[in-house]
């Protein structure tokens, strides 16, 4: 059986609420929350029935009742905050994007390895039931030769220059907040691209408003992704093979439905699943399984792949001329 870990939550924002809600609804042991404000930590703890509230991240990392910490701060702070967690001897599940760049990601991976701890990117999409089934279908060969992936993540988000998404100093922009989903999906299907082409548009703050990419994998295999924070699109994904295709419905990176469709339009398989909550607990379940097995890498999203995905995002940013002030 999977050993149940005692969870700590680092930060109290919207994503921390969503994740903790799923943990509580699905019977996980949430022991503590930490914030820079004890008042906020206490309010969060009261909301979810968490026994321990801490007024600093350092105190959370030192809590003897915590085994693993979910790092839910904005991504420019992930490297610093996760270092506190790992130095405190706790395993870490770090919200995506994992860091700002591959260099920060590699440093965290190396620190975790040196301390014998699990560090894992909270790319929750990979652990959802429909994605588990899609990987099984891809491995089965029913699609024939897989040739193409097409995926978008587009939302019409606030244009306020003060909004975190539009602030370069906070890592704002469509690519790291939204584009991480389709980019990670292409990695899941094809692995590392052999060539990358990217183009972007920008807001007045300098943050990227939209980013389009073409990834070339050789042997006639291509992937296209599009991410945007100023327009709302279909938010669907397609995997095209010579014998069939997978059509993933809106919103493809959340619990949803899909179909396997033959070239003549006949449906070979339809997939539906019931998920309790948003589905963010599946990644936590995998983290607990890995720790119980003494496996610090896993196969669904190994830490070296997380670092490599950050390298792909680095290359895209280099091509579109996007650099953050704190780099």
C-alpha atoms as a PDB file:
ATOM      1  CA  UNK A   1       0.000   0.000   0.000  1.00  0.00           C
ATOM      2  CA  UNK A   2       1.029   3.590  -0.571  1.00  0.00           C
ATOM      3  CA  UNK A   3       2.446   5.235   2.531  1.00  0.00           C
ATOM      4  CA  UNK A   4       0.343   8.262   3.413  1.00  0.00           C
ATOM      5  CA  UNK A   5       2.507  11.351   3.702  1.00  0.00           C
ATOM      6  CA  UNK A   6       1.802  14.356   5.877  1.00  0.00           C
ATOM      7  CA  UNK A   7       1.407  17.407   3.671  1.00  0.00           C
ATOM      8  CA  UNK A   8       2.389  21.016   4.194  1.00  0.00           C
ATOM      9  CA  UNK A   9       1.142  23.846   1.992  1.00  0.00           C
ATOM     10  CA  UNK A  10       3.517  26.721   1.255  1.00  0.00           C
ATOM     11  CA  UNK A  11       1.564  29.918   0.430  1.00  0.00           C
ATOM     12  CA  UNK A  12      -2.162  30.597   0.580  1.00  0.00           C
ATOM     13  CA  UNK A  13      -3.172  31.908  -2.863  1.00  0.00           C
ATOM     14  CA  UNK A  14      -5.708  30.622  -5.350  1.00  0.00           C
ATOM     15  CA  UNK A  15      -3.760  27.599  -6.567  1.00  0.00           C
ATOM     16  CA  UNK A  16      -2.995  26.585  -2.982  1.00  0.00           C
ATOM     17  CA  UNK A  17      -6.735  26.691  -2.251  1.00  0.00           C
ATOM     18  CA  UNK A  18      -7.536  24.541  -5.293  1.00  0.00           C
ATOM     19  CA  UNK A  19      -4.887  21.937  -4.484  1.00  0.00           C
ATOM     20  CA  UNK A  20      -5.685  21.752  -0.779  1.00  0.00           C
ATOM     21  CA  UNK A  21      -9.390  21.468  -1.492  1.00  0.00           C
ATOM     22  CA  UNK A  22      -8.692  18.393  -3.641  1.00  0.00           C
ATOM     23  CA  UNK A  23      -6.395  16.897  -1.005  1.00  0.00           C
ATOM     24  CA  UNK A  24      -8.971  17.289   1.763  1.00  0.00           C
ATOM     25  CA  UNK A  25     -11.839  16.015  -0.411  1.00  0.00           C
ATOM     26  CA  UNK A  26      -9.867  12.892  -1.262  1.00  0.00           C
ATOM     27  CA  UNK A  27      -8.656  11.962   2.209  1.00  0.00           C
ATOM     28  CA  UNK A  28      -5.057  13.179   2.218  1.00  0.00           C
ATOM     29  CA  UNK A  29      -3.357  14.136   5.479  1.00  0.00           C
ATOM     30  CA  UNK A  30      -2.776  17.903   5.389  1.00  0.00           C
ATOM     31  CA  UNK A  31      -0.898  18.858   8.550  1.00  0.00           C
ATOM     32  CA  UNK A  32       0.376  22.393   8.119  1.00  0.00           C
ATOM     33  CA  UNK A  33       0.321  25.584   6.111  1.00  0.00           C
ATOM     34  CA  UNK A  34       2.940  28.317   5.955  1.00  0.00           C
ATOM     35  CA  UNK A  35       2.707  31.932   4.848  1.00  0.00           C
ATOM     36  CA  UNK A  36       4.717  35.099   5.274  1.00  0.00           C
ATOM     37  CA  UNK A  37       1.675  36.243   7.254  1.00  0.00           C
ATOM     38  CA  UNK A  38       0.596  34.225  10.298  1.00  0.00           C
ATOM     39  CA  UNK A  39      -2.854  35.780   9.954  1.00  0.00           C
ATOM     40  CA  UNK A  40      -3.241  34.407   6.427  1.00  0.00           C
ATOM     41  CA  UNK A  41      -1.849  31.029   7.420  1.00  0.00           C
ATOM     42  CA  UNK A  42      -4.266  30.811  10.345  1.00  0.00           C
ATOM     43  CA  UNK A  43      -7.237  31.732   8.165  1.00  0.00           C
ATOM     44  CA  UNK A  44      -6.233  29.122   5.579  1.00  0.00           C
ATOM     45  CA  UNK A  45      -5.787  26.500   8.306  1.00  0.00           C
ATOM     46  CA  UNK A  46      -9.219  27.263   9.745  1.00  0.00           C
ATOM     47  CA  UNK A  47     -10.829  27.012   6.309  1.00  0.00           C
ATOM     48  CA  UNK A  48      -9.481  23.506   5.676  1.00  0.00           C
ATOM     49  CA  UNK A  49      -9.209  22.146   9.203  1.00  0.00           C
ATOM     50  CA  UNK A  50      -5.409  22.082   9.133  1.00  0.00           C
ATOM     51  CA  UNK A  51      -3.907  21.706  12.636  1.00  0.00           C
ATOM     52  CA  UNK A  52      -0.698  23.732  12.224  1.00  0.00           C
ATOM     53  CA  UNK A  53      -0.296  27.278  10.881  1.00  0.00           C
ATOM     54  CA  UNK A  54       3.120  28.923  10.477  1.00  0.00           C
ATOM     55  CA  UNK A  55       4.029  32.555   9.891  1.00  0.00           C
ATOM     56  CA  UNK A  56       7.091  31.765   7.775  1.00  0.00           C
ATOM     57  CA  UNK A  57       8.160  29.262   5.160  1.00  0.00           C
ATOM     58  CA  UNK A  58      11.154  28.357   7.287  1.00  0.00           C
ATOM     59  CA  UNK A  59       8.861  27.350  10.162  1.00  0.00           C
ATOM     60  CA  UNK A  60       6.791  25.201   7.819  1.00  0.00           C
ATOM     61  CA  UNK A  61       9.934  23.472   6.521  1.00  0.00           C
ATOM     62  CA  UNK A  62      11.016  22.775  10.103  1.00  0.00           C
ATOM     63  CA  UNK A  63       7.667  21.320  11.189  1.00  0.00           C
ATOM     64  CA  UNK A  64       8.330  17.728  12.373  1.00  0.00           C
ATOM     65  CA  UNK A  65       4.768  16.727  11.462  1.00  0.00           C
ATOM     66  CA  UNK A  66       5.334  17.480   7.750  1.00  0.00           C
ATOM     67  CA  UNK A  67       6.862  15.035   5.247  1.00  0.00           C
ATOM     68  CA  UNK A  68       6.215  16.796   1.935  1.00  0.00           C
ATOM     69  CA  UNK A  69       5.478  20.401   0.972  1.00  0.00           C
ATOM     70  CA  UNK A  70       3.481  21.749  -1.946  1.00  0.00           C
ATOM     71  CA  UNK A  71       5.159  24.976  -3.127  1.00  0.00           C
ATOM     72  CA  UNK A  72       2.407  27.293  -4.398  1.00  0.00           C
ATOM     73  CA  UNK A  73       4.101  30.668  -4.687  1.00  0.00           C
ATOM     74  CA  UNK A  74       4.476  32.424  -8.090  1.00  0.00           C
ATOM     75  CA  UNK A  75       7.186  30.786 -10.192  1.00  0.00           C
ATOM     76  CA  UNK A  76       9.869  33.492  -9.785  1.00  0.00           C
ATOM     77  CA  UNK A  77      10.016  32.447  -6.122  1.00  0.00           C
ATOM     78  CA  UNK A  78       9.996  28.679  -6.621  1.00  0.00           C
ATOM     79  CA  UNK A  79      13.766  28.257  -6.557  1.00  0.00           C
ATOM     80  CA  UNK A  80      14.158  30.141  -3.282  1.00  0.00           C
ATOM     81  CA  UNK A  81      11.106  28.684  -1.573  1.00  0.00           C
ATOM     82  CA  UNK A  82      11.755  25.103  -2.667  1.00  0.00           C
ATOM     83  CA  UNK A  83      15.343  25.413  -1.461  1.00  0.00           C
ATOM     84  CA  UNK A  84      13.979  26.248   2.002  1.00  0.00           C
ATOM     85  CA  UNK A  85      11.800  23.150   1.861  1.00  0.00           C
ATOM     86  CA  UNK A  86      14.557  20.815   0.680  1.00  0.00           C
ATOM     87  CA  UNK A  87      17.088  22.216   3.152  1.00  0.00           C
ATOM     88  CA  UNK A  88      14.490  21.495   5.825  1.00  0.00           C
ATOM     89  CA  UNK A  89      14.558  17.831   4.826  1.00  0.00           C
ATOM     90  CA  UNK A  90      11.117  17.725   3.206  1.00  0.00           C
ATOM     91  CA  UNK A  91      10.091  16.311  -0.146  1.00  0.00           C
ATOM     92  CA  UNK A  92       8.727  18.965  -2.505  1.00  0.00           C
ATOM     93  CA  UNK A  93       5.944  19.150  -5.086  1.00  0.00           C
ATOM     94  CA  UNK A  94       6.508  22.431  -6.920  1.00  0.00           C
ATOM     95  CA  UNK A  95       3.765  24.191  -8.859  1.00  0.00           C
ATOM     96  CA  UNK A  96       4.393  24.583 -12.558  1.00  0.00           C
ATOM     97  CA  UNK A  97       6.252  26.099 -14.211  1.00  0.00           C
ATOM     98  CA  UNK A  98       8.876  24.466 -12.027  1.00  0.00           C
ATOM     99  CA  UNK A  99      11.151  27.533 -12.019  1.00  0.00           C
ATOM    100  CA  UNK A 100      11.982  30.544 -14.189  1.00  0.00           C
ATOM    101  CA  UNK A 101      14.648  28.746 -16.211  1.00  0.00           C
ATOM    102  CA  UNK A 102      16.525  25.481 -16.629  1.00  0.00           C
ATOM    103  CA  UNK A 103      19.492  26.606 -14.514  1.00  0.00           C
ATOM    104  CA  UNK A 104      17.244  27.096 -11.473  1.00  0.00           C
ATOM    105  CA  UNK A 105      15.513  23.787 -12.202  1.00  0.00           C
ATOM    106  CA  UNK A 106      18.810  21.902 -12.382  1.00  0.00           C
ATOM    107  CA  UNK A 107      19.965  23.429  -9.092  1.00  0.00           C
ATOM    108  CA  UNK A 108      16.816  22.194  -7.320  1.00  0.00           C
ATOM    109  CA  UNK A 109      17.114  18.755  -8.899  1.00  0.00           C
ATOM    110  CA  UNK A 110      20.727  18.462  -7.772  1.00  0.00           C
ATOM    111  CA  UNK A 111      19.912  19.638  -4.241  1.00  0.00           C
ATOM    112  CA  UNK A 112      17.089  17.112  -3.887  1.00  0.00           C
ATOM    113  CA  UNK A 113      19.303  14.307  -5.181  1.00  0.00           C
ATOM    114  CA  UNK A 114      22.071  15.214  -2.739  1.00  0.00           C
ATOM    115  CA  UNK A 115      19.611  15.069   0.139  1.00  0.00           C
ATOM    116  CA  UNK A 116      17.816  11.932  -1.025  1.00  0.00           C
ATOM    117  CA  UNK A 117      14.502  13.740  -1.420  1.00  0.00           C
ATOM    118  CA  UNK A 118      11.760  13.724  -4.034  1.00  0.00           C
ATOM    119  CA  UNK A 119      11.356  16.946  -5.965  1.00  0.00           C
ATOM    120  CA  UNK A 120       8.565  16.900  -8.509  1.00  0.00           C
ATOM    121  CA  UNK A 121       6.855  19.352 -10.830  1.00  0.00           C
ATOM    122  CA  UNK A 122       3.134  19.779 -10.166  1.00  0.00           C
ATOM    123  CA  UNK A 123       2.190  19.302 -13.817  1.00  0.00           C
ATOM    124  CA  UNK A 124      -1.119  17.862 -12.699  1.00  0.00           C
ATOM    125  CA  UNK A 125      -2.391  17.239 -16.238  1.00  0.00           C
ATOM    126  CA  UNK A 126      -0.029  14.297 -16.759  1.00  0.00           C
ATOM    127  CA  UNK A 127      -1.601  12.371 -13.875  1.00  0.00           C
ATOM    128  CA  UNK A 128      -5.252  12.800 -14.855  1.00  0.00           C
ATOM    129  CA  UNK A 129      -7.196   9.656 -15.881  1.00  0.00           C
ATOM    130  CA  UNK A 130      -7.675  10.731 -19.492  1.00  0.00           C
ATOM    131  CA  UNK A 131      -3.955  11.375 -19.924  1.00  0.00           C
ATOM    132  CA  UNK A 132      -3.098   8.006 -18.404  1.00  0.00           C
ATOM    133  CA  UNK A 133      -5.391   6.363 -20.968  1.00  0.00           C
ATOM    134  CA  UNK A 134      -3.964   8.445 -23.835  1.00  0.00           C
ATOM    135  CA  UNK A 135      -0.446   7.218 -23.046  1.00  0.00           C
ATOM    136  CA  UNK A 136      -1.757   3.648 -23.098  1.00  0.00           C
ATOM    137  CA  UNK A 137      -3.326   4.244 -26.516  1.00  0.00           C
ATOM    138  CA  UNK A 138      -0.127   5.768 -27.880  1.00  0.00           C
ATOM    139  CA  UNK A 139       1.858   2.770 -26.649  1.00  0.00           C
ATOM    140  CA  UNK A 140      -0.630   0.327 -28.179  1.00  0.00           C
ATOM    141  CA  UNK A 141       0.107   1.451 -31.738  1.00  0.00           C
ATOM    142  CA  UNK A 142      -3.563   1.869 -32.645  1.00  0.00           C
ATOM    143  CA  UNK A 143      -2.823   5.328 -34.083  1.00  0.00           C
ATOM    144  CA  UNK A 144      -0.255   3.909 -36.466  1.00  0.00           C
ATOM    145  CA  UNK A 145       2.712   6.215 -36.927  1.00  0.00           C
ATOM    146  CA  UNK A 146       2.141   9.285 -34.760  1.00  0.00           C
ATOM    147  CA  UNK A 147       2.921  12.332 -36.874  1.00  0.00           C
ATOM    148  CA  UNK A 148       1.556  15.493 -35.274  1.00  0.00           C
ATOM    149  CA  UNK A 149       0.472  17.129 -32.016  1.00  0.00           C
ATOM    150  CA  UNK A 150      -1.601  20.319 -32.011  1.00  0.00           C
ATOM    151  CA  UNK A 151      -2.503  21.999 -28.708  1.00  0.00           C
ATOM    152  CA  UNK A 152      -3.433  25.441 -27.444  1.00  0.00           C
ATOM    153  CA  UNK A 153      -3.911  27.147 -24.092  1.00  0.00           C
ATOM    154  CA  UNK A 154      -5.587  30.494 -24.524  1.00  0.00           C
ATOM    155  CA  UNK A 155      -7.419  32.700 -22.040  1.00  0.00           C
ATOM    156  CA  UNK A 156      -8.669  36.268 -22.126  1.00  0.00           C
ATOM    157  CA  UNK A 157      -7.024  37.487 -18.935  1.00  0.00           C
ATOM    158  CA  UNK A 158      -6.803  40.988 -17.403  1.00  0.00           C
ATOM    159  CA  UNK A 159      -4.763  43.605 -19.283  1.00  0.00           C
ATOM    160  CA  UNK A 160      -4.065  45.582 -16.090  1.00  0.00           C
ATOM    161  CA  UNK A 161      -0.305  46.362 -16.111  1.00  0.00           C
ATOM    162  CA  UNK A 162      -0.243  45.679 -12.372  1.00  0.00           C
ATOM    163  CA  UNK A 163      -1.611  42.159 -12.770  1.00  0.00           C
ATOM    164  CA  UNK A 164       0.987  39.473 -12.013  1.00  0.00           C
ATOM    165  CA  UNK A 165       0.562  37.928 -15.473  1.00  0.00           C
ATOM    166  CA  UNK A 166       1.625  41.201 -17.124  1.00  0.00           C
ATOM    167  CA  UNK A 167       4.570  41.991 -14.833  1.00  0.00           C
ATOM    168  CA  UNK A 168       7.968  40.851 -16.078  1.00  0.00           C
ATOM    169  CA  UNK A 169       9.487  41.065 -12.599  1.00  0.00           C
ATOM    170  CA  UNK A 170       6.948  38.429 -11.514  1.00  0.00           C
ATOM    171  CA  UNK A 171       7.628  36.155 -14.474  1.00  0.00           C
ATOM    172  CA  UNK A 172       4.460  37.272 -16.205  1.00  0.00           C
ATOM    173  CA  UNK A 173       3.495  36.327 -19.726  1.00  0.00           C
ATOM    174  CA  UNK A 174       1.590  33.716 -21.663  1.00  0.00           C
ATOM    175  CA  UNK A 175       4.445  31.271 -22.182  1.00  0.00           C
ATOM    176  CA  UNK A 176       5.352  30.274 -18.637  1.00  0.00           C
ATOM    177  CA  UNK A 177       1.853  30.578 -17.182  1.00  0.00           C
ATOM    178  CA  UNK A 178      -0.138  29.017 -20.038  1.00  0.00           C
ATOM    179  CA  UNK A 179       2.256  27.688 -22.667  1.00  0.00           C
ATOM    180  CA  UNK A 180       3.851  25.287 -20.198  1.00  0.00           C
ATOM    181  CA  UNK A 181       0.809  23.024 -20.646  1.00  0.00           C
ATOM    182  CA  UNK A 182       0.987  22.388 -24.412  1.00  0.00           C
ATOM    183  CA  UNK A 183       4.800  22.408 -24.389  1.00  0.00           C
ATOM    184  CA  UNK A 184       4.854  19.749 -21.674  1.00  0.00           C
ATOM    185  CA  UNK A 185       2.227  17.769 -23.592  1.00  0.00           C
ATOM    186  CA  UNK A 186       4.390  17.654 -26.713  1.00  0.00           C
ATOM    187  CA  UNK A 187       7.240  16.368 -24.563  1.00  0.00           C
ATOM    188  CA  UNK A 188       4.918  13.709 -23.162  1.00  0.00           C
ATOM    189  CA  UNK A 189       4.073  12.474 -26.664  1.00  0.00           C
ATOM    190  CA  UNK A 190       7.309  12.953 -28.608  1.00  0.00           C
ATOM    191  CA  UNK A 191      10.093  13.742 -26.148  1.00  0.00           C
ATOM    192  CA  UNK A 192      12.737  16.349 -26.950  1.00  0.00           C
ATOM    193  CA  UNK A 193      12.350  18.369 -30.165  1.00  0.00           C
ATOM    194  CA  UNK A 194      15.311  18.438 -32.512  1.00  0.00           C
ATOM    195  CA  UNK A 195      14.478  21.963 -33.707  1.00  0.00           C
ATOM    196  CA  UNK A 196      12.328  24.788 -32.345  1.00  0.00           C
ATOM    197  CA  UNK A 197      10.804  27.795 -34.064  1.00  0.00           C
ATOM    198  CA  UNK A 198       8.878  30.420 -32.124  1.00  0.00           C
ATOM    199  CA  UNK A 199       7.165  33.753 -32.649  1.00  0.00           C
ATOM    200  CA  UNK A 200       5.365  36.049 -30.213  1.00  0.00           C
ATOM    201  CA  UNK A 201       3.407  39.237 -29.609  1.00  0.00           C
ATOM    202  CA  UNK A 202       3.903  41.447 -26.570  1.00  0.00           C
ATOM    203  CA  UNK A 203       2.003  43.716 -24.213  1.00  0.00           C
ATOM    204  CA  UNK A 204       3.122  47.234 -23.320  1.00  0.00           C
ATOM    205  CA  UNK A 205       4.706  45.907 -20.126  1.00  0.00           C
ATOM    206  CA  UNK A 206       7.046  43.702 -22.175  1.00  0.00           C
ATOM    207  CA  UNK A 207       5.288  40.503 -21.135  1.00  0.00           C
ATOM    208  CA  UNK A 208       4.436  38.086 -23.921  1.00  0.00           C
ATOM    209  CA  UNK A 209       0.756  38.197 -24.921  1.00  0.00           C
ATOM    210  CA  UNK A 210       0.884  35.220 -27.296  1.00  0.00           C
ATOM    211  CA  UNK A 211       3.434  32.650 -28.379  1.00  0.00           C
ATOM    212  CA  UNK A 212       3.281  30.231 -31.314  1.00  0.00           C
ATOM    213  CA  UNK A 213       5.748  27.375 -31.696  1.00  0.00           C
ATOM    214  CA  UNK A 214       6.653  24.674 -34.173  1.00  0.00           C
ATOM    215  CA  UNK A 215       8.653  21.712 -32.847  1.00  0.00           C
ATOM    216  CA  UNK A 216      10.404  19.379 -35.297  1.00  0.00           C
ATOM    217  CA  UNK A 217      11.208  15.840 -34.159  1.00  0.00           C
ATOM    218  CA  UNK A 218      12.542  14.474 -37.423  1.00  0.00           C
ATOM    219  CA  UNK A 219      11.087  11.559 -39.414  1.00  0.00           C
ATOM    220  CA  UNK A 220       8.157  13.728 -40.471  1.00  0.00           C
ATOM    221  CA  UNK A 221       6.953  14.445 -36.939  1.00  0.00           C
ATOM    222  CA  UNK A 222       5.865  17.953 -35.956  1.00  0.00           C
ATOM    223  CA  UNK A 223       4.050  19.667 -33.093  1.00  0.00           C
ATOM    224  CA  UNK A 224       2.468  23.082 -32.962  1.00  0.00           C
ATOM    225  CA  UNK A 225       1.474  24.944 -29.802  1.00  0.00           C
ATOM    226  CA  UNK A 226      -0.184  28.268 -29.196  1.00  0.00           C
ATOM    227  CA  UNK A 227      -0.582  30.121 -25.923  1.00  0.00           C
ATOM    228  CA  UNK A 228      -2.185  33.506 -25.353  1.00  0.00           C
ATOM    229  CA  UNK A 229      -3.368  35.615 -22.440  1.00  0.00           C
ATOM    230  CA  UNK A 230      -5.356  38.129 -24.519  1.00  0.00           C
ATOM    231  CA  UNK A 231      -7.718  35.855 -26.465  1.00  0.00           C
ATOM    232  CA  UNK A 232      -9.871  32.867 -25.588  1.00  0.00           C
ATOM    233  CA  UNK A 233      -9.605  29.949 -28.004  1.00  0.00           C
ATOM    234  CA  UNK A 234     -10.833  26.352 -28.210  1.00  0.00           C
ATOM    235  CA  UNK A 235      -8.390  24.911 -25.642  1.00  0.00           C
ATOM    236  CA  UNK A 236      -8.418  21.534 -27.335  1.00  0.00           C
ATOM    237  CA  UNK A 237      -5.667  19.160 -28.427  1.00  0.00           C
ATOM    238  CA  UNK A 238      -5.242  16.615 -31.216  1.00  0.00           C
ATOM    239  CA  UNK A 239      -2.755  13.797 -31.758  1.00  0.00           C
ATOM    240  CA  UNK A 240      -2.634  12.693 -35.402  1.00  0.00           C
ATOM    241  CA  UNK A 241      -1.494   9.263 -36.514  1.00  0.00           C
ATOM    242  CA  UNK A 242      -1.508   7.485 -39.856  1.00  0.00           C
ATOM    243  CA  UNK A 243      -4.226   5.039 -38.727  1.00  0.00           C
ATOM    244  CA  UNK A 244      -6.276   7.160 -36.290  1.00  0.00           C
ATOM    245  CA  UNK A 245      -6.278  10.351 -34.266  1.00  0.00           C
ATOM    246  CA  UNK A 246      -7.048  11.382 -30.687  1.00  0.00           C
ATOM    247  CA  UNK A 247      -9.353  14.392 -30.251  1.00  0.00           C
ATOM    248  CA  UNK A 248      -9.198  15.795 -26.713  1.00  0.00           C
ATOM    249  CA  UNK A 249     -12.120  18.039 -25.805  1.00  0.00           C
ATOM    250  CA  UNK A 250     -12.188  21.376 -24.026  1.00  0.00           C
ATOM    251  CA  UNK A 251     -10.503  21.929 -21.659  1.00  0.00           C
ATOM    252  CA  UNK A 252      -7.907  19.383 -22.721  1.00  0.00           C
ATOM    253  CA  UNK A 253      -5.480  19.885 -19.812  1.00  0.00           C
ATOM    254  CA  UNK A 254      -8.221  19.429 -17.163  1.00  0.00           C
ATOM    255  CA  UNK A 255     -10.409  16.345 -16.556  1.00  0.00           C
ATOM    256  CA  UNK A 256     -12.268  15.951 -19.839  1.00  0.00           C
ATOM    257  CA  UNK A 257     -13.329  13.542 -22.573  1.00  0.00           C
ATOM    258  CA  UNK A 258     -11.655  12.357 -25.746  1.00  0.00           C
ATOM    259  CA  UNK A 259     -12.237  10.152 -28.750  1.00  0.00           C
ATOM    260  CA  UNK A 260     -10.079   7.910 -30.897  1.00  0.00           C
ATOM    261  CA  UNK A 261     -11.252   8.505 -34.457  1.00  0.00           C
ATOM    262  CA  UNK A 262     -10.430   6.505 -37.594  1.00  0.00           C
ATOM    263  CA  UNK A 263      -9.707   8.291 -40.908  1.00  0.00           C
ATOM    264  CA  UNK A 264     -13.248   7.539 -42.100  1.00  0.00           C
ATOM    265  CA  UNK A 265     -14.687   9.338 -39.060  1.00  0.00           C
ATOM    266  CA  UNK A 266     -15.775   6.261 -37.152  1.00  0.00           C
ATOM    267  CA  UNK A 267     -15.170   6.428 -33.403  1.00  0.00           C
ATOM    268  CA  UNK A 268     -12.940   3.616 -32.158  1.00  0.00           C
ATOM    269  CA  UNK A 269     -13.055   4.639 -28.498  1.00  0.00           C
ATOM    270  CA  UNK A 270     -14.730   7.292 -26.357  1.00  0.00           C
ATOM    271  CA  UNK A 271     -13.318   8.103 -22.947  1.00  0.00           C
ATOM    272  CA  UNK A 272     -15.082   9.647 -19.968  1.00  0.00           C
ATOM    273  CA  UNK A 273     -14.109   9.618 -16.309  1.00  0.00           C
ATOM    274  CA  UNK A 274     -15.502  10.803 -13.006  1.00  0.00           C
ATOM    275  CA  UNK A 275     -13.091  12.925 -11.000  1.00  0.00           C
ATOM    276  CA  UNK A 276     -13.710  13.991  -7.416  1.00  0.00           C
ATOM    277  CA  UNK A 277     -12.891  17.686  -7.389  1.00  0.00           C
ATOM    278  CA  UNK A 278     -10.566  19.371  -9.849  1.00  0.00           C
ATOM    279  CA  UNK A 279      -8.262  16.372 -10.135  1.00  0.00           C
ATOM    280  CA  UNK A 280      -5.155  17.928  -8.610  1.00  0.00           C
ATOM    281  CA  UNK A 281      -4.867  15.110  -6.077  1.00  0.00           C
ATOM    282  CA  UNK A 282      -3.670  12.572  -8.655  1.00  0.00           C
ATOM    283  CA  UNK A 283      -0.212  14.149  -8.705  1.00  0.00           C
ATOM    284  CA  UNK A 284      -0.137  14.014  -4.903  1.00  0.00           C
ATOM    285  CA  UNK A 285      -1.056  10.335  -5.007  1.00  0.00           C
ATOM    286  CA  UNK A 286       1.831   9.708  -7.396  1.00  0.00           C
ATOM    287  CA  UNK A 287       4.220  11.627  -5.134  1.00  0.00           C
ATOM    288  CA  UNK A 288       3.175   9.453  -2.190  1.00  0.00           C
ATOM    289  CA  UNK A 289       3.604   6.297  -4.276  1.00  0.00           C
ATOM    290  CA  UNK A 290       7.100   7.324  -5.367  1.00  0.00           C
ATOM    291  CA  UNK A 291       8.240   8.127  -1.835  1.00  0.00           C
ATOM    292  CA  UNK A 292       6.852   4.813  -0.539  1.00  0.00           C
ATOM    293  CA  UNK A 293       8.721   2.975  -3.304  1.00  0.00           C
ATOM    294  CA  UNK A 294      11.954   4.867  -2.687  1.00  0.00           C
ATOM    295  CA  UNK A 295      11.772   6.166  -6.255  1.00  0.00           C
ATOM    296  CA  UNK A 296      13.000   9.751  -6.599  1.00  0.00           C
ATOM    297  CA  UNK A 297      12.382  10.026 -10.356  1.00  0.00           C
ATOM    298  CA  UNK A 298       9.300   8.140 -11.563  1.00  0.00           C
ATOM    299  CA  UNK A 299       8.383   7.622 -15.205  1.00  0.00           C
ATOM    300  CA  UNK A 300       5.402   9.937 -15.796  1.00  0.00           C
ATOM    301  CA  UNK A 301       7.460  13.113 -15.377  1.00  0.00           C
ATOM    302  CA  UNK A 302      11.038  12.439 -14.251  1.00  0.00           C
ATOM    303  CA  UNK A 303      12.839  15.406 -12.761  1.00  0.00           C
ATOM    304  CA  UNK A 304      15.390  15.391 -15.597  1.00  0.00           C
ATOM    305  CA  UNK A 305      12.529  15.825 -18.053  1.00  0.00           C
ATOM    306  CA  UNK A 306      11.194  18.743 -16.027  1.00  0.00           C
ATOM    307  CA  UNK A 307      14.628  20.374 -16.320  1.00  0.00           C
ATOM    308  CA  UNK A 308      14.688  19.677 -20.065  1.00  0.00           C
ATOM    309  CA  UNK A 309      11.209  21.151 -20.548  1.00  0.00           C
ATOM    310  CA  UNK A 310      12.443  24.300 -18.825  1.00  0.00           C
ATOM    311  CA  UNK A 311      15.301  24.269 -21.337  1.00  0.00           C
ATOM    312  CA  UNK A 312      12.767  24.214 -24.172  1.00  0.00           C
ATOM    313  CA  UNK A 313      11.019  27.221 -22.639  1.00  0.00           C
ATOM    314  CA  UNK A 314      14.432  28.922 -22.353  1.00  0.00           C
ATOM    315  CA  UNK A 315      15.031  28.396 -26.076  1.00  0.00           C
ATOM    316  CA  UNK A 316      11.595  29.747 -26.971  1.00  0.00           C
ATOM    317  CA  UNK A 317      12.243  32.837 -24.858  1.00  0.00           C
ATOM    318  CA  UNK A 318      15.636  33.318 -26.483  1.00  0.00           C
ATOM    319  CA  UNK A 319      14.011  33.233 -29.929  1.00  0.00           C
ATOM    320  CA  UNK A 320      11.291  35.737 -29.048  1.00  0.00           C
ATOM    321  CA  UNK A 321      13.650  37.989 -27.067  1.00  0.00           C
ATOM    322  CA  UNK A 322      12.051  37.557 -23.648  1.00  0.00           C
ATOM    323  CA  UNK A 323      14.213  37.883 -20.553  1.00  0.00           C
ATOM    324  CA  UNK A 324      13.165  38.445 -16.950  1.00  0.00           C
ATOM    325  CA  UNK A 325      14.770  41.203 -14.844  1.00  0.00           C
ATOM    326  CA  UNK A 326      15.913  38.806 -12.110  1.00  0.00           C
ATOM    327  CA  UNK A 327      17.811  36.487 -14.466  1.00  0.00           C
END
